[in-house]
Amino acid sequence: MKPEELQAIKARAEKATPGPWEQLSGEWYGEPRNLVQCDECTITEHVYKKSDADFIAHSREDIPALIAEVERLQAENKELRQVIGEFMVNPTTVKTELIVKGE
């Protein structure tokens, strides 16, 4: 994923109505009704499937959590690439440093 794609997702998540969001099911004029609400408003209503409404409701917390994990993994990957690069230049020094750190 390109950095600008992740930033666009993060920006959309930050602009969305604050959570938590919850999925509610019931009937309206005898028809099944699923909706997603937060404390302030209805996010969406008339969602046909309960599972879709549940997915939408959880996305408010799931997407920021996934973004945080992607960013953590990218930072870890960058650090590991740096260690590998240093090891390629001077394997003895890097190995000694890792042993001293207990890694």
Foldseek 3Di string as FASTA:
>chain_A
DDPVVLVVLVVVLVPDDADQKDWDWDDDPRHIKIFIGGPPGTPDIRDRDSVVRRVVNCCSPVSVVVSVVVVVVVVVVVVVVVLVVVCVVPVVVSVVVCVVVVD
